[in-house]
Amino acid sequence: MTLLDEVQAARKKIVTDGYDMSMGELINLYRADELTIDPAFQRLFRWDDGRKTRFIESILLGIPFPSIFVYQDQNGVWELIDGLQRLSTIFQLTGDLKGDRSAELGPLVLDGTHFLPSLSGKRWKESAEGAADGLDQVLQIEIKRARVCVEILKNESDATAKFELFQRLNTGGAILTPQEVRNSIAVQVNPKFYDWLVARSREPTFSSTTDQTQVALEAQSAVELALRFFVFRSVPYQPGLDVHEYLDRGLMELATSEAFDMAAEENTFKKTFQFLDEALQDRAFKRWNGQVFAGKFLMSLFEVMAIGVSKNLNLLNALTPQRRNNFIQEKARDLWGNAAFTANSGAGIRGTTRLSKLLPIAEDLLKPAAI
């Protein structure tokens, strides 16, 4: 198939439409359940009040903002794909936001800005009679009449098109990281799988061995590491494939596969990091300098040690705890004298090269002699 053929075939998988609407129309569609935000997806509503205020300010000042994207299902209902931060801000402001986040967030009270300092303390309606903290009717109408371009992905599109589209978009002008995109897609594709993944990322032994900082925990880096563990174990890496594309593909396979046994994989995960924690604790994925394990978390070590241990659980389980700990510690030190590992784990090594060279040898590097 030529490139032109591929382009034409791919285009047939995506059917779109689009037109301008007012915020008021979108509010009415949302009230009537004709525009939905998946409850699990709402958990990703993460703008602080300052960011929300700046968005409302932009509307009042007539500053253009990006389109929103929706998926139209077979009943004609629109499911939000991209635009969560913007629309949720509007719905929170007007008091229309639904779901658990509504109760958690409460009414939106705006901050003052450089151009509109009098926005400080304002909300949609007065908090009490005579409080004078509500937005004037003129400003309410300005917000409801603000125009937004709605891009519509039709039901006739390929089943995975909305997730492909989500990956290529940004939210509110702030580009999502590949990790945030994957977390968002996991929530949309299979909320149960996403919750399970988050729970694994919070396992005490996993937190201990990966030595997560508070910043990393808040950024959900642990969720990304847990996802990598399961993808590396279950989805063969195709040499040359971009690492993020590989993880994207792996996520979709795991989240949609009926064959993926979450209970069994959970047991494997717990056992793997139990063994690593008993042997090395927070040194499990740090460099051996000839005397001690020290430094920062290294992804190359995670890929080899975690996957290698997980592939050898039966043999490791047959050892006494002391022998097992000694074995894992020894192997962690020996890696730094292994030519294949050191040649493919240093600074400047592309992720594609590292995965293609290290994942295939991880099991053998951590395999104990059969008893």
Protein backbone atom coordinates (compact mmCIF):
# COMPACT_ATOMS: atom_id res chain seq x y z
CA MET A 1 0.00 0.00 0.00
CA THR A 2 1.41 3.41 -0.97
CA LEU A 3 1.49 6.42 1.35
CA LEU A 4 -1.39 7.97 -0.59
CA ASP A 5 -3.44 4.79 -0.13
CA GLU A 6 -2.69 4.82 3.60
CA VAL A 7 -3.79 8.47 3.90
CA GLN A 8 -7.04 7.83 2.04
CA ALA A 9 -7.81 4.70 4.06
CA ALA A 10 -7.13 6.47 7.37
CA ARG A 11 -9.34 9.41 6.39
CA LYS A 12 -12.29 7.08 5.87
CA LYS A 13 -12.00 6.03 9.51
CA ILE A 14 -12.69 9.55 10.79
CA VAL A 15 -15.98 11.34 10.06
CA THR A 16 -16.24 14.87 11.44
CA ASP A 17 -18.46 17.93 11.49
CA GLY A 18 -18.26 21.22 13.33
CA TYR A 19 -19.88 24.59 13.96
CA ASP A 20 -19.90 27.54 16.34
CA MET A 21 -22.15 27.52 19.38
CA SER A 22 -22.68 29.79 22.35
CA MET A 23 -21.67 28.82 25.86
CA GLY A 24 -25.33 29.17 26.80
CA GLU A 25 -26.29 26.52 24.25
CA LEU A 26 -23.63 24.18 25.62
CA ILE A 27 -24.88 24.78 29.16
CA ASN A 28 -28.41 23.86 28.05
CA LEU A 29 -27.18 20.70 26.28
CA TYR A 30 -25.30 19.71 29.44
CA ARG A 31 -28.35 20.32 31.62
CA ALA A 32 -30.43 18.13 29.30
CA ASP A 33 -27.81 15.33 29.34
CA GLU A 34 -27.24 15.82 25.62
CA LEU A 35 -23.61 16.73 26.35
CA THR A 36 -21.91 14.43 28.82
CA ILE A 37 -18.64 14.34 30.71
CA ASP A 38 -17.77 10.83 31.81
CA PRO A 39 -17.78 10.80 35.65
CA ALA A 40 -14.36 9.14 35.69
CA PHE A 41 -13.02 11.71 33.23
CA GLN A 42 -14.16 14.49 35.61
CA ARG A 43 -11.48 13.40 38.07
CA LEU A 44 -8.97 14.96 35.70
CA PHE A 45 -10.49 18.44 36.17
CA ARG A 46 -7.40 19.96 37.73
CA TRP A 47 -7.34 23.72 37.11
CA ASP A 48 -6.92 25.79 40.25
CA ASP A 49 -9.12 28.82 40.90
CA GLY A 50 -6.50 31.16 39.44
CA ARG A 51 -6.48 29.31 36.13
CA LYS A 52 -10.27 29.18 36.09
CA THR A 53 -10.42 32.92 36.74
CA ARG A 54 -8.06 33.65 33.86
CA PHE A 55 -10.29 31.65 31.54
CA ILE A 56 -13.40 33.59 32.62
CA GLU A 57 -11.41 36.80 32.20
CA SER A 58 -10.50 35.75 28.65
CA ILE A 59 -14.17 35.28 27.81
CA LEU A 60 -15.14 38.66 29.27
CA LEU A 61 -12.31 40.37 27.36
CA GLY A 62 -13.24 38.62 24.11
CA ILE A 63 -9.97 36.71 23.83
CA PRO A 64 -10.36 33.67 21.53
CA PHE A 65 -9.83 30.20 22.97
CA PRO A 66 -9.41 26.77 21.37
CA SER A 67 -12.17 24.57 20.02
CA ILE A 68 -13.73 21.82 22.07
CA PHE A 69 -14.02 18.30 20.68
CA VAL A 70 -16.90 15.91 21.21
CA TYR A 71 -17.84 12.42 20.08
CA GLN A 72 -21.42 11.96 18.86
CA ASP A 73 -22.80 8.56 19.84
CA GLN A 74 -25.51 6.60 18.07
CA ASN A 75 -28.22 8.44 20.03
CA GLY A 76 -26.89 11.84 19.03
CA VAL A 77 -25.53 12.57 22.52
CA TRP A 78 -22.19 14.38 22.61
CA GLU A 79 -19.44 12.92 24.77
CA LEU A 80 -16.67 15.38 25.62
CA ILE A 81 -13.25 14.40 24.28
CA ASP A 82 -11.25 17.58 24.80
CA GLY A 83 -12.19 20.82 26.54
CA LEU A 84 -12.73 19.42 30.03
CA GLN A 85 -11.00 22.24 31.89
CA ARG A 86 -12.84 24.98 29.99
CA LEU A 87 -16.35 23.54 30.07
CA SER A 88 -16.07 22.30 33.66
CA THR A 89 -15.01 25.81 34.68
CA ILE A 90 -18.11 27.28 33.02
CA PHE A 91 -20.41 24.62 34.51
CA GLN A 92 -18.91 25.10 37.98
CA LEU A 93 -19.29 28.86 37.70
CA THR A 94 -22.97 28.67 36.68
CA GLY A 95 -23.72 25.97 39.26
CA ASP A 96 -24.49 23.30 36.66
CA LEU A 97 -21.52 20.96 37.19
CA LYS A 98 -22.75 17.45 37.97
CA GLY A 99 -21.26 14.47 39.75
CA ASP A 100 -18.97 14.00 42.72
CA ARG A 101 -16.67 16.82 41.68
CA SER A 102 -19.52 19.30 42.00
CA ALA A 103 -19.95 18.62 45.71
CA GLU A 104 -16.19 18.52 46.23
CA LEU A 105 -15.47 21.81 44.46
CA GLY A 106 -18.50 23.84 45.52
CA PRO A 107 -19.32 27.22 43.93
CA LEU A 108 -16.59 28.90 41.92
CA VAL A 109 -15.46 32.15 43.53
CA LEU A 110 -13.26 34.15 41.17
CA ASP A 111 -9.99 35.92 41.92
CA GLY A 112 -9.02 39.40 40.87
CA THR A 113 -6.80 39.82 37.80
CA HIS A 114 -4.47 42.49 36.49
CA PHE A 115 -7.06 43.72 33.98
CA LEU A 116 -10.16 42.96 36.08
CA PRO A 117 -9.25 43.37 39.77
CA SER A 118 -12.95 43.72 40.65
CA LEU A 119 -13.50 40.07 39.73
CA SER A 120 -12.10 39.23 43.16
CA GLY A 121 -14.73 37.47 45.24
CA LYS A 122 -17.28 37.37 42.44
CA ARG A 123 -19.47 34.34 41.79
CA TRP A 124 -22.37 33.61 39.43
CA LYS A 125 -25.14 34.55 41.86
CA GLU A 126 -25.08 36.47 45.13
CA SER A 127 -24.22 34.26 48.10
CA ALA A 128 -26.81 36.05 50.21
CA GLU A 129 -29.27 38.90 49.80
CA GLY A 130 -27.38 42.15 49.58
CA ALA A 131 -23.96 40.47 49.41
CA ALA A 132 -23.20 42.16 46.09
CA ASP A 133 -20.81 39.34 45.18
CA GLY A 134 -22.75 38.06 42.16
CA LEU A 135 -21.86 38.79 38.56
CA ASP A 136 -23.99 41.48 36.92
CA GLN A 137 -26.64 40.17 34.53
CA VAL A 138 -24.86 41.93 31.67
CA LEU A 139 -21.68 39.95 32.39
CA GLN A 140 -23.61 36.70 32.78
CA ILE A 141 -25.11 37.26 29.34
CA GLU A 142 -21.66 38.06 27.91
CA ILE A 143 -20.39 34.70 29.18
CA LYS A 144 -23.41 32.77 27.90
CA ARG A 145 -23.18 34.42 24.48
CA ALA A 146 -19.46 33.73 24.08
CA ARG A 147 -18.88 31.65 20.96
CA VAL A 148 -16.93 28.41 20.89
CA CYS A 149 -16.15 26.17 17.94
CA VAL A 150 -17.37 22.61 18.51
CA GLU A 151 -15.62 19.93 16.47
CA ILE A 152 -17.73 16.77 16.26
CA LEU A 153 -16.41 13.26 15.71
CA LYS A 154 -19.32 11.29 14.28
CA ASN A 155 -20.46 7.83 15.37
CA GLU A 156 -19.54 6.43 11.94
CA SER A 157 -15.85 6.94 12.79
CA ASP A 158 -13.54 4.07 13.68
CA ALA A 159 -14.13 2.81 17.24
CA THR A 160 -10.73 4.00 18.50
CA ALA A 161 -10.81 7.34 16.69
CA LYS A 162 -11.86 9.38 19.74
CA PHE A 163 -8.90 8.12 21.74
CA GLU A 164 -6.55 8.78 18.83
CA LEU A 165 -8.00 12.28 18.58
CA PHE A 166 -7.58 12.92 22.30
CA GLN A 167 -3.89 12.07 22.06
CA ARG A 168 -3.33 14.77 19.44
CA LEU A 169 -5.03 17.62 21.25
CA ASN A 170 -4.20 19.99 24.05
CA THR A 171 -6.44 21.23 26.80
CA GLY A 172 -6.98 24.93 27.35
CA GLY A 173 -3.76 25.81 25.57
CA ALA A 174 -1.65 23.73 27.97
CA ILE A 175 -0.09 20.74 26.22
CA LEU A 176 -0.60 17.51 28.11
CA THR A 177 2.41 15.33 28.70
CA PRO A 178 2.35 11.85 27.13
CA GLN A 179 1.88 10.49 30.66
CA GLU A 180 -1.15 12.73 31.30
CA VAL A 181 -2.63 11.72 27.96
CA ARG A 182 -2.28 8.04 28.84
CA ASN A 183 -3.84 8.57 32.27
CA SER A 184 -6.72 10.45 30.64
CA ILE A 185 -7.29 7.78 28.02
CA ALA A 186 -7.17 5.02 30.63
CA VAL A 187 -9.94 6.80 32.54
CA GLN A 188 -12.08 7.05 29.40
CA VAL A 189 -11.43 3.58 27.98
CA ASN A 190 -11.79 1.54 31.16
CA PRO A 191 -12.32 3.34 34.49
CA LYS A 192 -12.09 0.04 36.37
CA PHE A 193 -8.67 -0.65 34.85
CA TYR A 194 -7.53 2.89 35.64
CA ASP A 195 -8.63 2.62 39.28
CA TRP A 196 -6.85 -0.74 39.51
CA LEU A 197 -3.70 0.80 38.04
CA VAL A 198 -3.80 3.69 40.52
CA ALA A 199 -4.24 1.21 43.38
CA ARG A 200 -1.15 -0.72 42.23
CA SER A 201 0.86 2.50 42.06
CA ARG A 202 0.07 3.08 45.75
CA GLU A 203 1.26 -0.31 46.98
CA PRO A 204 3.67 0.42 49.90
CA THR A 205 6.48 -1.77 48.53
CA PHE A 206 6.18 -0.18 45.09
CA SER A 207 6.35 3.32 46.61
CA SER A 208 9.34 2.27 48.71
CA THR A 209 11.40 0.73 45.92
CA THR A 210 10.69 3.46 43.35
CA ASP A 211 11.42 6.11 46.02
CA GLN A 212 8.73 8.48 44.79
CA THR A 213 8.95 12.13 45.83
CA GLN A 214 5.79 13.99 46.83
CA VAL A 215 6.00 15.97 43.58
CA ALA A 216 6.16 12.75 41.58
CA LEU A 217 3.21 11.31 43.50
CA GLU A 218 1.11 14.41 42.81
CA ALA A 219 2.05 14.22 39.12
CA GLN A 220 0.96 10.55 39.10
CA SER A 221 4.37 9.43 37.85
CA ALA A 222 3.86 6.25 39.87
CA VAL A 223 0.81 5.40 37.75
CA GLU A 224 2.97 5.69 34.64
CA LEU A 225 5.62 3.41 36.18
CA ALA A 226 2.99 0.83 37.11
CA LEU A 227 1.63 0.95 33.56
CA ARG A 228 5.13 0.44 32.16
CA PHE A 229 5.57 -2.63 34.34
CA PHE A 230 2.43 -4.29 32.99
CA VAL A 231 3.05 -3.24 29.38
CA PHE A 232 6.67 -4.46 29.47
CA ARG A 233 5.48 -7.80 30.82
CA SER A 234 2.52 -8.34 28.52
CA VAL A 235 2.99 -6.46 25.24
CA PRO A 236 6.00 -7.36 23.05
CA TYR A 237 8.07 -4.35 22.08
CA GLN A 238 8.44 -3.79 18.34
CA PRO A 239 12.03 -2.57 17.75
CA GLY A 240 12.12 0.96 16.39
CA LEU A 241 8.65 1.89 17.63
CA ASP A 242 8.54 5.20 19.48
CA VAL A 243 8.44 4.49 23.22
CA HIS A 244 5.34 6.61 23.79
CA GLU A 245 3.54 4.97 20.87
CA TYR A 246 4.46 1.60 22.35
CA LEU A 247 3.06 2.59 25.75
CA ASP A 248 -0.07 4.05 24.12
CA ARG A 249 -0.64 0.82 22.20
CA GLY A 250 0.10 -1.25 25.30
CA LEU A 251 -2.37 0.74 27.38
CA MET A 252 -5.13 0.20 24.83
CA GLU A 253 -4.40 -3.52 24.63
CA LEU A 254 -4.44 -4.03 28.39
CA ALA A 255 -7.44 -1.79 29.08
CA THR A 256 -9.60 -3.43 26.40
CA SER A 257 -8.43 -7.05 26.59
CA GLU A 258 -10.68 -9.61 28.28
CA ALA A 259 -7.66 -11.92 28.44
CA PHE A 260 -5.70 -9.58 30.73
CA ASP A 261 -6.06 -11.20 34.17
CA MET A 262 -5.93 -8.29 36.60
CA ALA A 263 -6.09 -10.54 39.67
CA ALA A 264 -3.13 -12.64 38.55
CA GLU A 265 -1.14 -9.59 37.45
CA GLU A 266 -1.87 -7.91 40.75
CA ASN A 267 -0.39 -10.89 42.61
CA THR A 268 2.68 -10.79 40.35
CA PHE A 269 3.07 -7.06 40.94
CA LYS A 270 2.82 -7.37 44.71
CA LYS A 271 5.23 -10.30 44.88
CA THR A 272 7.76 -8.61 42.58
CA PHE A 273 7.99 -5.44 44.63
CA GLN A 274 7.84 -7.34 47.90
CA PHE A 275 10.99 -9.23 46.91
CA LEU A 276 12.71 -6.06 45.66
CA ASP A 277 11.75 -4.15 48.81
CA GLU A 278 13.00 -6.90 51.11
CA ALA A 279 16.32 -7.02 49.28
CA LEU A 280 17.01 -3.40 48.40
CA GLN A 281 14.26 -1.09 49.70
CA ASP A 282 14.66 2.39 48.17
CA ARG A 283 17.97 1.39 46.53
CA ALA A 284 16.31 -1.05 44.10
CA PHE A 285 16.60 1.19 41.05
CA LYS A 286 19.71 3.19 41.86
CA ARG A 287 23.25 2.96 40.54
CA TRP A 288 25.91 0.78 42.19
CA ASN A 289 29.04 2.91 42.50
CA GLY A 290 31.28 0.09 43.69
CA GLN A 291 30.49 0.62 47.35
CA VAL A 292 26.82 1.56 47.75
CA PHE A 293 23.64 2.01 45.72
CA ALA A 294 23.09 5.72 45.36
CA GLY A 295 21.77 8.49 43.13
CA LYS A 296 18.48 8.96 41.33
CA PHE A 297 15.90 6.47 40.14
CA LEU A 298 17.03 4.97 36.80
CA MET A 299 14.46 3.78 34.28
CA SER A 300 16.90 1.30 32.77
CA LEU A 301 17.24 -0.42 36.15
CA PHE A 302 13.49 -0.47 36.60
CA GLU A 303 13.08 -2.12 33.21
CA VAL A 304 15.60 -4.85 33.95
CA MET A 305 15.19 -5.45 37.69
CA ALA A 306 11.38 -5.25 37.95
CA ILE A 307 10.68 -7.23 34.79
CA GLY A 308 13.48 -9.71 35.48
CA VAL A 309 12.23 -10.44 38.99
CA SER A 310 8.60 -10.69 37.80
CA LYS A 311 9.57 -13.28 35.18
CA ASN A 312 11.35 -15.44 37.77
CA LEU A 313 8.96 -15.40 40.70
CA ASN A 314 8.61 -19.17 40.98
CA LEU A 315 12.37 -19.73 41.15
CA LEU A 316 12.87 -16.82 43.54
CA ASN A 317 10.02 -17.95 45.75
CA ALA A 318 11.73 -21.34 46.15
CA LEU A 319 14.74 -19.68 47.81
CA THR A 320 14.91 -18.89 51.50
CA PRO A 321 14.34 -15.18 52.20
CA GLN A 322 18.02 -14.66 53.02
CA ARG A 323 19.27 -16.42 49.89
CA ARG A 324 16.74 -14.55 47.78
CA ASN A 325 17.78 -11.19 49.21
CA ASN A 326 21.44 -11.98 48.68
CA PHE A 327 20.77 -13.12 45.11
CA ILE A 328 18.82 -9.96 44.16
CA GLN A 329 21.44 -7.71 45.75
CA GLU A 330 24.21 -9.55 43.92
CA LYS A 331 22.43 -9.30 40.58
CA ALA A 332 21.76 -5.58 41.12
CA ARG A 333 25.52 -5.06 41.64
CA ASP A 334 26.53 -7.36 38.78
CA LEU A 335 24.48 -5.37 36.27
CA TRP A 336 27.10 -2.62 36.40
CA GLY A 337 29.69 -5.08 35.14
CA ASN A 338 27.43 -6.46 32.43
CA ALA A 339 28.48 -5.19 29.00
CA ALA A 340 24.99 -5.41 27.46
CA PHE A 341 23.43 -3.46 30.31
CA THR A 342 26.06 -0.74 30.60
CA ALA A 343 26.18 -0.25 26.81
CA ASN A 344 22.43 0.33 26.65
CA SER A 345 21.60 2.15 29.86
CA GLY A 346 23.78 5.23 29.94
CA ALA A 347 22.99 8.86 29.22
CA GLY A 348 22.26 9.55 25.58
CA ILE A 349 20.86 6.07 24.89
CA ARG A 350 17.54 6.36 23.07
CA GLY A 351 14.55 4.76 24.75
CA THR A 352 13.89 2.71 21.63
CA THR A 353 17.41 1.26 21.77
CA ARG A 354 17.23 0.62 25.50
CA LEU A 355 13.94 -1.26 25.32
CA SER A 356 14.91 -3.35 22.32
CA LYS A 357 18.20 -4.38 23.95
CA LEU A 358 17.32 -4.72 27.64
CA LEU A 359 13.79 -6.10 27.84
CA PRO A 360 14.69 -9.35 26.02
CA ILE A 361 17.54 -10.10 28.44
CA ALA A 362 15.87 -9.04 31.72
CA GLU A 363 14.54 -12.51 32.54
CA ASP A 364 17.91 -14.24 32.06
CA LEU A 365 19.79 -11.58 34.02
CA LEU A 366 17.62 -12.22 37.10
CA LYS A 367 17.18 -15.98 36.77
CA PRO A 368 18.39 -18.07 39.73
CA ALA A 369 19.86 -21.49 39.10
CA ALA A 370 17.12 -24.15 39.20
CA ILE A 371 16.97 -25.97 42.51
